[in-house]
Amino acid sequence: MSEASLHIAIVGKGNLGTHLYNGLSKNHTPYFVGRHLEIKPLTDLIIVCVADESVAAVCSALPKNILVAHTAGALPMQSGNRGGVFYPLYSFTKDASVDWTQVPFLVEANTQDDEELLENVALCLTEKVFHIPSNQREKLHAAAVMVNNFTNHLYTLAYEHAAQYDLPIEILFAIMRQGPDKAIKLGPKKAQTGPAVRHDAPTLAKHMASITDPEVLELYKSLSASIQKHHPKDEL
């Protein structure tokens, strides 16, 4: 943990920027930067929390003598001697609280001193700090999309399917909570259950007959086929 309180400029007041401001305020002195990118004197670090398509333009417009770290998982470090990455691998929503101790940070910088600065700032929030280069971080970001964004979209489709048949959504809550914890504890392949892994053709057929949305039906077929590919009959 850094001993001295740092002055940290946060560019972007969205979901991540807001949570970072609140989290860093316990040990440091963060402040928000507006669209004119006016950086206060004696600023030690600038954290850029803007949409991916704006990262390059914003970073290039900021002072070159201050460490500028963006928070985008799928983008490389921006050019400049004091470029860096300060990426929390987590899903942020303004109205949802964050337990920072559980959030992993991926840090990277052009110099060892700057990378240590980012590590120290991250350590004020969590002990889960990883030094991951851009080419590896981008691949990890793809995996993160699969485990979070894709599964969340499946929840949306499941809610719509249940609503179509006037079924109470809350019946799904227990299994929604169970799935991630079991996958972490056992490993996802070992934790896999359901008709596809059992190669239960009659049940699969019933499910597919109940799905009226053609796109959802194709997704169900594709995912079931993928599960069976990873769990062939001869392994049962």
C-alpha atoms as a PDB file:
ATOM      1  CA  MET A   1       0.000   0.000   0.000  1.00  0.00           C
ATOM      2  CA  SER A   2       1.220   3.467  -0.851  1.00  0.00           C
ATOM      3  CA  GLU A   3       2.244   5.444   2.241  1.00  0.00           C
ATOM      4  CA  ALA A   4       1.555   8.904   0.795  1.00  0.00           C
ATOM      5  CA  SER A   5      -1.790  10.174  -0.378  1.00  0.00           C
ATOM      6  CA  LEU A   6      -1.732  10.773  -4.126  1.00  0.00           C
ATOM      7  CA  HIS A   7      -3.674  13.323  -6.150  1.00  0.00           C
ATOM      8  CA  ILE A   8      -5.461  11.243  -8.766  1.00  0.00           C
ATOM      9  CA  ALA A   9      -7.401  12.699 -11.679  1.00  0.00           C
ATOM     10  CA  ILE A  10     -10.272  10.525 -12.930  1.00  0.00           C
ATOM     11  CA  VAL A  11     -11.428  11.223 -16.465  1.00  0.00           C
ATOM     12  CA  GLY A  12     -14.980   9.953 -16.828  1.00  0.00           C
ATOM     13  CA  LYS A  13     -17.790   9.966 -14.281  1.00  0.00           C
ATOM     14  CA  GLY A  14     -19.536   6.804 -15.429  1.00  0.00           C
ATOM     15  CA  ASN A  15     -19.960   3.468 -13.654  1.00  0.00           C
ATOM     16  CA  LEU A  16     -16.262   2.679 -13.208  1.00  0.00           C
ATOM     17  CA  GLY A  17     -15.122   6.252 -12.641  1.00  0.00           C
ATOM     18  CA  THR A  18     -17.676   6.741  -9.864  1.00  0.00           C
ATOM     19  CA  HIS A  19     -16.744   3.524  -8.080  1.00  0.00           C
ATOM     20  CA  LEU A  20     -13.017   4.257  -8.380  1.00  0.00           C
ATOM     21  CA  TYR A  21     -13.525   7.732  -6.960  1.00  0.00           C
ATOM     22  CA  ASN A  22     -15.376   6.323  -3.953  1.00  0.00           C
ATOM     23  CA  GLY A  23     -12.883   3.514  -3.421  1.00  0.00           C
ATOM     24  CA  LEU A  24      -9.729   5.600  -3.791  1.00  0.00           C
ATOM     25  CA  SER A  25     -11.033   8.395  -1.549  1.00  0.00           C
ATOM     26  CA  LYS A  26     -10.206   6.308   1.528  1.00  0.00           C
ATOM     27  CA  ASN A  27      -6.452   6.517   0.906  1.00  0.00           C
ATOM     28  CA  HIS A  28      -5.926   9.147  -1.765  1.00  0.00           C
ATOM     29  CA  THR A  29      -7.306  12.414  -3.092  1.00  0.00           C
ATOM     30  CA  PRO A  30      -9.133  11.718  -6.346  1.00  0.00           C
ATOM     31  CA  TYR A  31     -10.993  14.327  -8.357  1.00  0.00           C
ATOM     32  CA  PHE A  32     -13.070  14.206 -11.512  1.00  0.00           C
ATOM     33  CA  VAL A  33     -11.916  15.792 -14.750  1.00  0.00           C
ATOM     34  CA  GLY A  34     -14.423  17.346 -17.135  1.00  0.00           C
ATOM     35  CA  ARG A  35     -14.536  17.296 -20.914  1.00  0.00           C
ATOM     36  CA  HIS A  36     -11.972  20.085 -21.174  1.00  0.00           C
ATOM     37  CA  LEU A  37      -9.393  17.787 -19.503  1.00  0.00           C
ATOM     38  CA  GLU A  38      -8.177  20.415 -17.067  1.00  0.00           C
ATOM     39  CA  ILE A  39      -5.596  18.716 -14.846  1.00  0.00           C
ATOM     40  CA  LYS A  40      -4.803  20.264 -11.471  1.00  0.00           C
ATOM     41  CA  PRO A  41      -1.205  21.062 -10.492  1.00  0.00           C
ATOM     42  CA  LEU A  42       0.643  18.390  -8.500  1.00  0.00           C
ATOM     43  CA  THR A  43      -1.477  15.572  -9.933  1.00  0.00           C
ATOM     44  CA  ASP A  44       0.348  12.241  -9.521  1.00  0.00           C
ATOM     45  CA  LEU A  45      -1.770   9.983 -11.705  1.00  0.00           C
ATOM     46  CA  ILE A  46      -4.508  10.266 -14.320  1.00  0.00           C
ATOM     47  CA  ILE A  47      -6.938   7.351 -14.693  1.00  0.00           C
ATOM     48  CA  VAL A  48      -8.958   7.378 -17.907  1.00  0.00           C
ATOM     49  CA  CYS A  49     -12.417   5.795 -17.562  1.00  0.00           C
ATOM     50  CA  VAL A  50     -14.068   6.519 -20.907  1.00  0.00           C
ATOM     51  CA  ALA A  51     -15.570   4.411 -23.692  1.00  0.00           C
ATOM     52  CA  ASP A  52     -13.022   2.327 -25.601  1.00  0.00           C
ATOM     53  CA  GLU A  53     -13.469   4.348 -28.794  1.00  0.00           C
ATOM     54  CA  SER A  54     -12.493   7.544 -26.942  1.00  0.00           C
ATOM     55  CA  VAL A  55      -9.459   6.224 -25.056  1.00  0.00           C
ATOM     56  CA  ALA A  56      -6.815   7.032 -27.686  1.00  0.00           C
ATOM     57  CA  ALA A  57      -8.021  10.598 -28.256  1.00  0.00           C
ATOM     58  CA  VAL A  58      -8.334  11.362 -24.544  1.00  0.00           C
ATOM     59  CA  CYS A  59      -4.950   9.878 -23.644  1.00  0.00           C
ATOM     60  CA  SER A  60      -3.196  11.764 -26.422  1.00  0.00           C
ATOM     61  CA  ALA A  61      -4.697  15.064 -25.204  1.00  0.00           C
ATOM     62  CA  LEU A  62      -3.455  14.661 -21.626  1.00  0.00           C
ATOM     63  CA  PRO A  63      -0.103  15.900 -20.213  1.00  0.00           C
ATOM     64  CA  LYS A  64       2.894  13.784 -21.171  1.00  0.00           C
ATOM     65  CA  ASN A  65       4.755  14.275 -17.904  1.00  0.00           C
ATOM     66  CA  ILE A  66       2.107  12.538 -15.745  1.00  0.00           C
ATOM     67  CA  LEU A  67       1.353   8.817 -15.693  1.00  0.00           C
ATOM     68  CA  VAL A  68      -1.821   8.273 -17.747  1.00  0.00           C
ATOM     69  CA  ALA A  69      -3.437   4.870 -17.255  1.00  0.00           C
ATOM     70  CA  HIS A  70      -6.564   3.748 -19.064  1.00  0.00           C
ATOM     71  CA  THR A  71      -9.010   1.166 -17.726  1.00  0.00           C
ATOM     72  CA  ALA A  72      -9.962  -0.654 -20.946  1.00  0.00           C
ATOM     73  CA  GLY A  73      -9.509  -4.411 -20.900  1.00  0.00           C
ATOM     74  CA  ALA A  74      -9.266  -4.885 -24.644  1.00  0.00           C
ATOM     75  CA  LEU A  75      -6.932  -1.994 -25.546  1.00  0.00           C
ATOM     76  CA  PRO A  76      -3.125  -1.889 -25.452  1.00  0.00           C
ATOM     77  CA  MET A  77      -1.169   0.772 -23.600  1.00  0.00           C
ATOM     78  CA  GLN A  78      -1.343   4.094 -25.372  1.00  0.00           C
ATOM     79  CA  SER A  79       1.795   5.674 -26.788  1.00  0.00           C
ATOM     80  CA  GLY A  80       3.890   7.887 -24.581  1.00  0.00           C
ATOM     81  CA  ASN A  81       6.689   7.354 -22.097  1.00  0.00           C
ATOM     82  CA  ARG A  82       4.260   7.453 -19.176  1.00  0.00           C
ATOM     83  CA  GLY A  83       1.458   5.313 -20.498  1.00  0.00           C
ATOM     84  CA  GLY A  84      -0.159   2.620 -18.381  1.00  0.00           C
ATOM     85  CA  VAL A  85      -3.117   0.328 -17.799  1.00  0.00           C
ATOM     86  CA  PHE A  86      -5.169   0.139 -14.590  1.00  0.00           C
ATOM     87  CA  TYR A  87      -7.828  -2.442 -15.418  1.00  0.00           C
ATOM     88  CA  PRO A  88     -10.188  -3.872 -12.800  1.00  0.00           C
ATOM     89  CA  LEU A  89     -11.601  -7.116 -14.182  1.00  0.00           C
ATOM     90  CA  TYR A  90     -15.130  -6.732 -12.898  1.00  0.00           C
ATOM     91  CA  SER A  91     -18.584  -5.633 -14.007  1.00  0.00           C
ATOM     92  CA  PHE A  92     -19.499  -2.197 -12.663  1.00  0.00           C
ATOM     93  CA  THR A  93     -22.963  -0.694 -12.284  1.00  0.00           C
ATOM     94  CA  LYS A  94     -23.513   2.607 -10.498  1.00  0.00           C
ATOM     95  CA  ASP A  95     -26.321   1.338  -8.267  1.00  0.00           C
ATOM     96  CA  ALA A  96     -24.538  -1.907  -7.289  1.00  0.00           C
ATOM     97  CA  SER A  97     -22.054  -1.826  -4.407  1.00  0.00           C
ATOM     98  CA  VAL A  98     -18.488  -3.047  -4.972  1.00  0.00           C
ATOM     99  CA  ASP A  99     -16.408  -5.126  -2.584  1.00  0.00           C
ATOM    100  CA  TRP A 100     -13.028  -3.991  -3.856  1.00  0.00           C
ATOM    101  CA  THR A 101     -11.201  -6.698  -1.910  1.00  0.00           C
ATOM    102  CA  GLN A 102     -12.633  -9.242  -4.364  1.00  0.00           C
ATOM    103  CA  VAL A 103     -11.770  -7.312  -7.537  1.00  0.00           C
ATOM    104  CA  PRO A 104      -8.593  -8.277  -9.435  1.00  0.00           C
ATOM    105  CA  PHE A 105      -6.570  -5.458 -11.001  1.00  0.00           C
ATOM    106  CA  LEU A 106      -4.388  -5.926 -14.083  1.00  0.00           C
ATOM    107  CA  VAL A 107      -1.652  -3.289 -14.219  1.00  0.00           C
ATOM    108  CA  GLU A 108       0.941  -2.427 -16.830  1.00  0.00           C
ATOM    109  CA  ALA A 109       3.209   0.542 -17.525  1.00  0.00           C
ATOM    110  CA  ASN A 110       6.153   1.510 -19.708  1.00  0.00           C
ATOM    111  CA  THR A 111       8.522   1.858 -16.757  1.00  0.00           C
ATOM    112  CA  GLN A 112       9.023  -0.147 -13.600  1.00  0.00           C
ATOM    113  CA  ASP A 113       8.510   2.918 -11.408  1.00  0.00           C
ATOM    114  CA  ASP A 114       5.153   3.693 -12.998  1.00  0.00           C
ATOM    115  CA  GLU A 115       4.059   0.069 -12.794  1.00  0.00           C
ATOM    116  CA  GLU A 116       4.912   0.056  -9.093  1.00  0.00           C
ATOM    117  CA  LEU A 117       2.901   3.263  -8.652  1.00  0.00           C
ATOM    118  CA  LEU A 118      -0.137   1.607 -10.243  1.00  0.00           C
ATOM    119  CA  GLU A 119       0.376  -1.504  -8.135  1.00  0.00           C
ATOM    120  CA  ASN A 120       0.491   0.559  -4.939  1.00  0.00           C
ATOM    121  CA  VAL A 121      -2.704   2.388  -5.847  1.00  0.00           C
ATOM    122  CA  ALA A 122      -4.437  -0.913  -6.618  1.00  0.00           C
ATOM    123  CA  LEU A 123      -3.214  -2.387  -3.326  1.00  0.00           C
ATOM    124  CA  CYS A 124      -5.213   0.277  -1.515  1.00  0.00           C
ATOM    125  CA  LEU A 125      -8.292  -1.470  -2.862  1.00  0.00           C
ATOM    126  CA  THR A 126      -7.389  -5.154  -3.159  1.00  0.00           C
ATOM    127  CA  GLU A 127      -4.587  -7.659  -2.739  1.00  0.00           C
ATOM    128  CA  LYS A 128      -5.452  -9.209  -6.115  1.00  0.00           C
ATOM    129  CA  VAL A 129      -2.986  -7.323  -8.344  1.00  0.00           C
ATOM    130  CA  PHE A 130      -1.551  -8.901 -11.487  1.00  0.00           C
ATOM    131  CA  HIS A 131       1.142  -7.646 -13.858  1.00  0.00           C
ATOM    132  CA  ILE A 132      -0.290  -8.682 -17.226  1.00  0.00           C
ATOM    133  CA  PRO A 133       0.995  -7.383 -20.605  1.00  0.00           C
ATOM    134  CA  SER A 134      -1.470  -6.033 -23.155  1.00  0.00           C
ATOM    135  CA  ASN A 135      -1.419  -9.027 -25.500  1.00  0.00           C
ATOM    136  CA  GLN A 136      -2.337 -11.369 -22.638  1.00  0.00           C
ATOM    137  CA  ARG A 137      -4.845  -8.978 -21.067  1.00  0.00           C
ATOM    138  CA  GLU A 138      -6.805  -8.729 -24.309  1.00  0.00           C
ATOM    139  CA  LYS A 139      -7.164 -12.525 -24.399  1.00  0.00           C
ATOM    140  CA  LEU A 140      -8.254 -12.581 -20.767  1.00  0.00           C
ATOM    141  CA  HIS A 141     -10.809  -9.888 -21.564  1.00  0.00           C
ATOM    142  CA  ALA A 142     -12.421 -12.220 -24.105  1.00  0.00           C
ATOM    143  CA  ALA A 143     -12.734 -14.904 -21.431  1.00  0.00           C
ATOM    144  CA  ALA A 144     -14.251 -12.354 -19.058  1.00  0.00           C
ATOM    145  CA  VAL A 145     -16.900 -11.468 -21.639  1.00  0.00           C
ATOM    146  CA  MET A 146     -17.811 -15.155 -21.908  1.00  0.00           C
ATOM    147  CA  VAL A 147     -18.186 -15.755 -18.172  1.00  0.00           C
ATOM    148  CA  ASN A 148     -19.986 -12.483 -17.432  1.00  0.00           C
ATOM    149  CA  ASN A 149     -21.625 -10.792 -20.415  1.00  0.00           C
ATOM    150  CA  PHE A 150     -22.631 -13.952 -22.236  1.00  0.00           C
ATOM    151  CA  THR A 151     -24.056 -15.633 -19.140  1.00  0.00           C
ATOM    152  CA  ASN A 152     -25.930 -12.457 -18.207  1.00  0.00           C
ATOM    153  CA  HIS A 153     -27.488 -12.363 -21.674  1.00  0.00           C
ATOM    154  CA  LEU A 154     -28.582 -15.967 -21.197  1.00  0.00           C
ATOM    155  CA  TYR A 155     -30.317 -14.834 -18.003  1.00  0.00           C
ATOM    156  CA  THR A 156     -32.180 -12.248 -20.088  1.00  0.00           C
ATOM    157  CA  LEU A 157     -33.307 -14.912 -22.565  1.00  0.00           C
ATOM    158  CA  ALA A 158     -34.330 -17.236 -19.737  1.00  0.00           C
ATOM    159  CA  TYR A 159     -36.393 -14.471 -18.119  1.00  0.00           C
ATOM    160  CA  GLU A 160     -38.157 -13.791 -21.411  1.00  0.00           C
ATOM    161  CA  HIS A 161     -38.821 -17.502 -21.939  1.00  0.00           C
ATOM    162  CA  ALA A 162     -40.296 -17.892 -18.447  1.00  0.00           C
ATOM    163  CA  ALA A 163     -42.398 -14.747 -18.838  1.00  0.00           C
ATOM    164  CA  GLN A 164     -43.777 -16.070 -22.134  1.00  0.00           C
ATOM    165  CA  TYR A 165     -45.302 -18.977 -20.225  1.00  0.00           C
ATOM    166  CA  ASP A 166     -46.349 -16.870 -17.191  1.00  0.00           C
ATOM    167  CA  LEU A 167     -43.855 -18.607 -14.914  1.00  0.00           C
ATOM    168  CA  PRO A 168     -42.517 -16.884 -11.760  1.00  0.00           C
ATOM    169  CA  ILE A 169     -38.971 -15.644 -12.375  1.00  0.00           C
ATOM    170  CA  GLU A 170     -37.931 -15.990  -8.726  1.00  0.00           C
ATOM    171  CA  ILE A 171     -37.918 -19.781  -9.053  1.00  0.00           C
ATOM    172  CA  LEU A 172     -34.706 -19.378 -11.101  1.00  0.00           C
ATOM    173  CA  PHE A 173     -32.837 -17.336  -8.481  1.00  0.00           C
ATOM    174  CA  ALA A 174     -31.414 -20.271  -6.493  1.00  0.00           C
ATOM    175  CA  ILE A 175     -29.883 -21.995  -9.511  1.00  0.00           C
ATOM    176  CA  MET A 176     -28.590 -18.661 -10.841  1.00  0.00           C
ATOM    177  CA  ARG A 177     -26.690 -18.133  -7.568  1.00  0.00           C
ATOM    178  CA  GLN A 178     -25.531 -21.751  -7.403  1.00  0.00           C
ATOM    179  CA  GLY A 179     -23.966 -21.930 -10.859  1.00  0.00           C
ATOM    180  CA  PRO A 180     -20.971 -19.561 -10.525  1.00  0.00           C
ATOM    181  CA  ASP A 181     -19.960 -20.791  -7.060  1.00  0.00           C
ATOM    182  CA  LYS A 182     -20.114 -24.432  -8.126  1.00  0.00           C
ATOM    183  CA  ALA A 183     -18.119 -23.765 -11.294  1.00  0.00           C
ATOM    184  CA  ILE A 184     -15.383 -22.043  -9.259  1.00  0.00           C
ATOM    185  CA  LYS A 185     -15.300 -24.778  -6.621  1.00  0.00           C
ATOM    186  CA  LEU A 186     -15.392 -27.827  -8.912  1.00  0.00           C
ATOM    187  CA  GLY A 187     -14.188 -26.389 -12.218  1.00  0.00           C
ATOM    188  CA  PRO A 188     -16.778 -25.638 -14.907  1.00  0.00           C
ATOM    189  CA  LYS A 189     -16.396 -28.878 -16.841  1.00  0.00           C
ATOM    190  CA  LYS A 190     -16.929 -31.035 -13.767  1.00  0.00           C
ATOM    191  CA  ALA A 191     -19.809 -28.821 -12.613  1.00  0.00           C
ATOM    192  CA  GLN A 192     -21.699 -29.173 -15.918  1.00  0.00           C
ATOM    193  CA  THR A 193     -25.139 -30.782 -15.603  1.00  0.00           C
ATOM    194  CA  GLY A 194     -28.314 -30.864 -17.703  1.00  0.00           C
ATOM    195  CA  PRO A 195     -29.814 -32.767 -20.611  1.00  0.00           C
ATOM    196  CA  ALA A 196     -27.059 -31.945 -23.091  1.00  0.00           C
ATOM    197  CA  VAL A 197     -24.268 -33.377 -20.935  1.00  0.00           C
ATOM    198  CA  ARG A 198     -26.445 -36.474 -20.385  1.00  0.00           C
ATOM    199  CA  HIS A 199     -27.144 -36.707 -24.117  1.00  0.00           C
ATOM    200  CA  ASP A 200     -30.832 -36.769 -23.189  1.00  0.00           C
ATOM    201  CA  ALA A 201     -32.361 -36.382 -26.655  1.00  0.00           C
ATOM    202  CA  PRO A 202     -36.067 -36.520 -25.594  1.00  0.00           C
ATOM    203  CA  THR A 203     -35.644 -33.694 -23.066  1.00  0.00           C
ATOM    204  CA  LEU A 204     -33.639 -31.600 -25.510  1.00  0.00           C
ATOM    205  CA  ALA A 205     -36.390 -32.047 -28.089  1.00  0.00           C
ATOM    206  CA  LYS A 206     -39.071 -30.926 -25.615  1.00  0.00           C
ATOM    207  CA  HIS A 207     -37.083 -27.840 -24.725  1.00  0.00           C
ATOM    208  CA  MET A 208     -36.545 -26.900 -28.349  1.00  0.00           C
ATOM    209  CA  ALA A 209     -40.234 -27.374 -29.104  1.00  0.00           C
ATOM    210  CA  SER A 210     -41.074 -24.832 -26.378  1.00  0.00           C
ATOM    211  CA  ILE A 211     -38.723 -22.132 -27.721  1.00  0.00           C
ATOM    212  CA  THR A 212     -40.579 -19.912 -30.191  1.00  0.00           C
ATOM    213  CA  ASP A 213     -37.840 -17.373 -30.958  1.00  0.00           C
ATOM    214  CA  PRO A 214     -35.775 -18.735 -33.899  1.00  0.00           C
ATOM    215  CA  GLU A 215     -32.572 -17.009 -32.746  1.00  0.00           C
ATOM    216  CA  VAL A 216     -32.907 -18.380 -29.224  1.00  0.00           C
ATOM    217  CA  LEU A 217     -33.642 -21.823 -30.657  1.00  0.00           C
ATOM    218  CA  GLU A 218     -30.435 -21.749 -32.715  1.00  0.00           C
ATOM    219  CA  LEU A 219     -28.495 -20.604 -29.671  1.00  0.00           C
ATOM    220  CA  TYR A 220     -29.956 -23.450 -27.603  1.00  0.00           C
ATOM    221  CA  LYS A 221     -28.991 -25.948 -30.301  1.00  0.00           C
ATOM    222  CA  SER A 222     -25.466 -24.540 -30.646  1.00  0.00           C
ATOM    223  CA  LEU A 223     -24.783 -24.477 -26.922  1.00  0.00           C
ATOM    224  CA  SER A 224     -26.171 -27.979 -26.454  1.00  0.00           C
ATOM    225  CA  ALA A 225     -23.975 -29.256 -29.283  1.00  0.00           C
ATOM    226  CA  SER A 226     -20.936 -27.533 -27.752  1.00  0.00           C
ATOM    227  CA  ILE A 227     -21.638 -29.102 -24.355  1.00  0.00           C
ATOM    228  CA  GLN A 228     -21.899 -32.537 -25.959  1.00  0.00           C
ATOM    229  CA  LYS A 229     -18.660 -31.965 -27.846  1.00  0.00           C
ATOM    230  CA  HIS A 230     -16.890 -31.332 -24.525  1.00  0.00           C
ATOM    231  CA  HIS A 231     -18.717 -34.246 -22.872  1.00  0.00           C
ATOM    232  CA  PRO A 232     -18.855 -37.104 -25.406  1.00  0.00           C
ATOM    233  CA  LYS A 233     -21.010 -40.119 -24.653  1.00  0.00           C
ATOM    234  CA  ASP A 234     -18.023 -42.372 -24.070  1.00  0.00           C
ATOM    235  CA  GLU A 235     -17.078 -40.227 -21.054  1.00  0.00           C
ATOM    236  CA  LEU A 236     -20.398 -40.832 -19.298  1.00  0.00           C
END
